[in-house]
Amino acid sequence: MTADRKRQAREKFLLGGVVVKAGLSTADRAFLLGGLIELARVIPGSAEHRRLRDIGEKAFKASSRDTLSPHVEENAGWR
C-alpha cells in the first residue's frame, strides 16, 4: 500500500469515527450526505460555524454516550 493510500484510508477511518461519535452510525446515508452538504455551505468564521464548532469540541471532550443524537432511530440501518 502506498503512503498516499494509507493516508486516505486513515482519513476515512477517522471520519467514520466522527459519524459514530455523533450517534449517526445507523442513520440513512442520504440523510448524512445531505447534512454534510448543508454544513459545507456554512461560511467559515461565521457565527453559525463557530456555534457548530463549539458543539463539536464539547462532544469530543464528552463521553460517547453523552453525544448521541436523540433524533436518530436506533435501527434505521443503511439505505
C-alpha atoms as a PDB file:
ATOM      1  CA  MET A   1       0.000   0.000   0.000  1.00  0.00           C
ATOM      2  CA  THR A   2       1.413   3.397  -0.948  1.00  0.00           C
ATOM      3  CA  ALA A   3       1.803   6.214   1.557  1.00  0.00           C
ATOM      4  CA  ASP A   4      -0.985   8.168  -0.171  1.00  0.00           C
ATOM      5  CA  ARG A   5      -3.416   5.254   0.056  1.00  0.00           C
ATOM      6  CA  LYS A   6      -2.546   4.752   3.721  1.00  0.00           C
ATOM      7  CA  ARG A   7      -3.210   8.436   4.388  1.00  0.00           C
ATOM      8  CA  GLN A   8      -6.560   8.242   2.581  1.00  0.00           C
ATOM      9  CA  ALA A   9      -7.548   5.085   4.477  1.00  0.00           C
ATOM     10  CA  ARG A  10      -6.687   6.711   7.802  1.00  0.00           C
ATOM     11  CA  GLU A  11      -8.671   9.822   6.894  1.00  0.00           C
ATOM     12  CA  LYS A  12     -11.752   7.710   6.068  1.00  0.00           C
ATOM     13  CA  PHE A  13     -11.364   5.763   9.292  1.00  0.00           C
ATOM     14  CA  LEU A  14     -11.188   8.978  11.346  1.00  0.00           C
ATOM     15  CA  LEU A  15     -14.194  10.490   9.555  1.00  0.00           C
ATOM     16  CA  GLY A  16     -16.166   7.316  10.244  1.00  0.00           C
ATOM     17  CA  GLY A  17     -15.321   7.749  13.912  1.00  0.00           C
ATOM     18  CA  VAL A  18     -16.827  11.240  13.807  1.00  0.00           C
ATOM     19  CA  VAL A  19     -20.080   9.781  12.457  1.00  0.00           C
ATOM     20  CA  VAL A  20     -20.129   7.221  15.277  1.00  0.00           C
ATOM     21  CA  LYS A  21     -19.286   9.886  17.881  1.00  0.00           C
ATOM     22  CA  ALA A  22     -22.246  11.951  16.667  1.00  0.00           C
ATOM     23  CA  GLY A  23     -24.567   8.980  17.205  1.00  0.00           C
ATOM     24  CA  LEU A  24     -25.293   8.700  13.481  1.00  0.00           C
ATOM     25  CA  SER A  25     -23.852   5.278  12.667  1.00  0.00           C
ATOM     26  CA  THR A  26     -27.298   3.885  11.857  1.00  0.00           C
ATOM     27  CA  ALA A  27     -28.599   6.957  10.047  1.00  0.00           C
ATOM     28  CA  ASP A  28     -29.668   6.864   6.407  1.00  0.00           C
ATOM     29  CA  ARG A  29     -26.635   7.608   4.186  1.00  0.00           C
ATOM     30  CA  ALA A  30     -28.620  10.070   2.032  1.00  0.00           C
ATOM     31  CA  PHE A  31     -29.560  11.954   5.200  1.00  0.00           C
ATOM     32  CA  LEU A  32     -25.909  12.072   6.263  1.00  0.00           C
ATOM     33  CA  LEU A  33     -24.748  13.276   2.869  1.00  0.00           C
ATOM     34  CA  GLY A  34     -27.470  15.934   2.752  1.00  0.00           C
ATOM     35  CA  GLY A  35     -26.436  17.178   6.164  1.00  0.00           C
ATOM     36  CA  LEU A  36     -22.777  17.303   5.176  1.00  0.00           C
ATOM     37  CA  ILE A  37     -23.620  19.222   2.000  1.00  0.00           C
ATOM     38  CA  GLU A  38     -25.527  21.756   4.101  1.00  0.00           C
ATOM     39  CA  LEU A  39     -22.577  22.014   6.505  1.00  0.00           C
ATOM     40  CA  ALA A  40     -20.256  22.686   3.564  1.00  0.00           C
ATOM     41  CA  ARG A  41     -22.340  25.793   2.839  1.00  0.00           C
ATOM     42  CA  VAL A  42     -21.677  27.306   6.279  1.00  0.00           C
ATOM     43  CA  ILE A  43     -19.208  30.162   5.909  1.00  0.00           C
ATOM     44  CA  PRO A  44     -16.001  29.523   7.876  1.00  0.00           C
ATOM     45  CA  GLY A  45     -15.670  32.009  10.701  1.00  0.00           C
ATOM     46  CA  SER A  46     -19.380  32.870  10.702  1.00  0.00           C
ATOM     47  CA  ALA A  47     -21.432  32.795  13.892  1.00  0.00           C
ATOM     48  CA  GLU A  48     -23.052  29.538  12.754  1.00  0.00           C
ATOM     49  CA  HIS A  49     -19.659  27.975  12.044  1.00  0.00           C
ATOM     50  CA  ARG A  50     -18.392  28.954  15.495  1.00  0.00           C
ATOM     51  CA  ARG A  51     -21.591  27.660  17.140  1.00  0.00           C
ATOM     52  CA  LEU A  52     -21.321  24.282  15.421  1.00  0.00           C
ATOM     53  CA  ARG A  53     -17.599  24.042  16.128  1.00  0.00           C
ATOM     54  CA  ASP A  54     -18.221  24.707  19.820  1.00  0.00           C
ATOM     55  CA  ILE A  55     -20.786  21.896  19.898  1.00  0.00           C
ATOM     56  CA  GLY A  56     -18.281  19.566  18.235  1.00  0.00           C
ATOM     57  CA  GLU A  57     -15.462  20.456  20.585  1.00  0.00           C
ATOM     58  CA  LYS A  58     -17.694  19.786  23.604  1.00  0.00           C
ATOM     59  CA  ALA A  59     -18.765  16.458  22.096  1.00  0.00           C
ATOM     60  CA  PHE A  60     -15.152  15.341  21.625  1.00  0.00           C
ATOM     61  CA  LYS A  61     -14.493  16.112  25.283  1.00  0.00           C
ATOM     62  CA  ALA A  62     -17.633  14.271  26.481  1.00  0.00           C
ATOM     63  CA  SER A  63     -18.147  10.536  26.655  1.00  0.00           C
ATOM     64  CA  SER A  64     -19.692   8.960  23.542  1.00  0.00           C
ATOM     65  CA  ARG A  65     -22.884   8.149  25.476  1.00  0.00           C
ATOM     66  CA  ASP A  66     -23.425  11.865  26.169  1.00  0.00           C
ATOM     67  CA  THR A  67     -23.239  12.847  22.496  1.00  0.00           C
ATOM     68  CA  LEU A  68     -25.805  10.508  20.965  1.00  0.00           C
ATOM     69  CA  SER A  69     -28.361  12.357  18.892  1.00  0.00           C
ATOM     70  CA  PRO A  70     -31.903  11.887  20.243  1.00  0.00           C
ATOM     71  CA  HIS A  71     -33.270  12.202  16.691  1.00  0.00           C
ATOM     72  CA  VAL A  72     -31.650   9.098  15.189  1.00  0.00           C
ATOM     73  CA  GLU A  73     -33.586   5.865  15.084  1.00  0.00           C
ATOM     74  CA  GLU A  74     -31.606   3.093  16.748  1.00  0.00           C
ATOM     75  CA  ASN A  75     -32.275   0.539  13.996  1.00  0.00           C
ATOM     76  CA  ALA A  76     -32.615   2.719  10.898  1.00  0.00           C
ATOM     77  CA  GLY A  77     -29.943   0.706   9.050  1.00  0.00           C
ATOM     78  CA  TRP A  78     -28.104   1.709   5.901  1.00  0.00           C
ATOM     79  CA  ARG A  79     -30.184   2.671   2.934  1.00  0.00           C
END
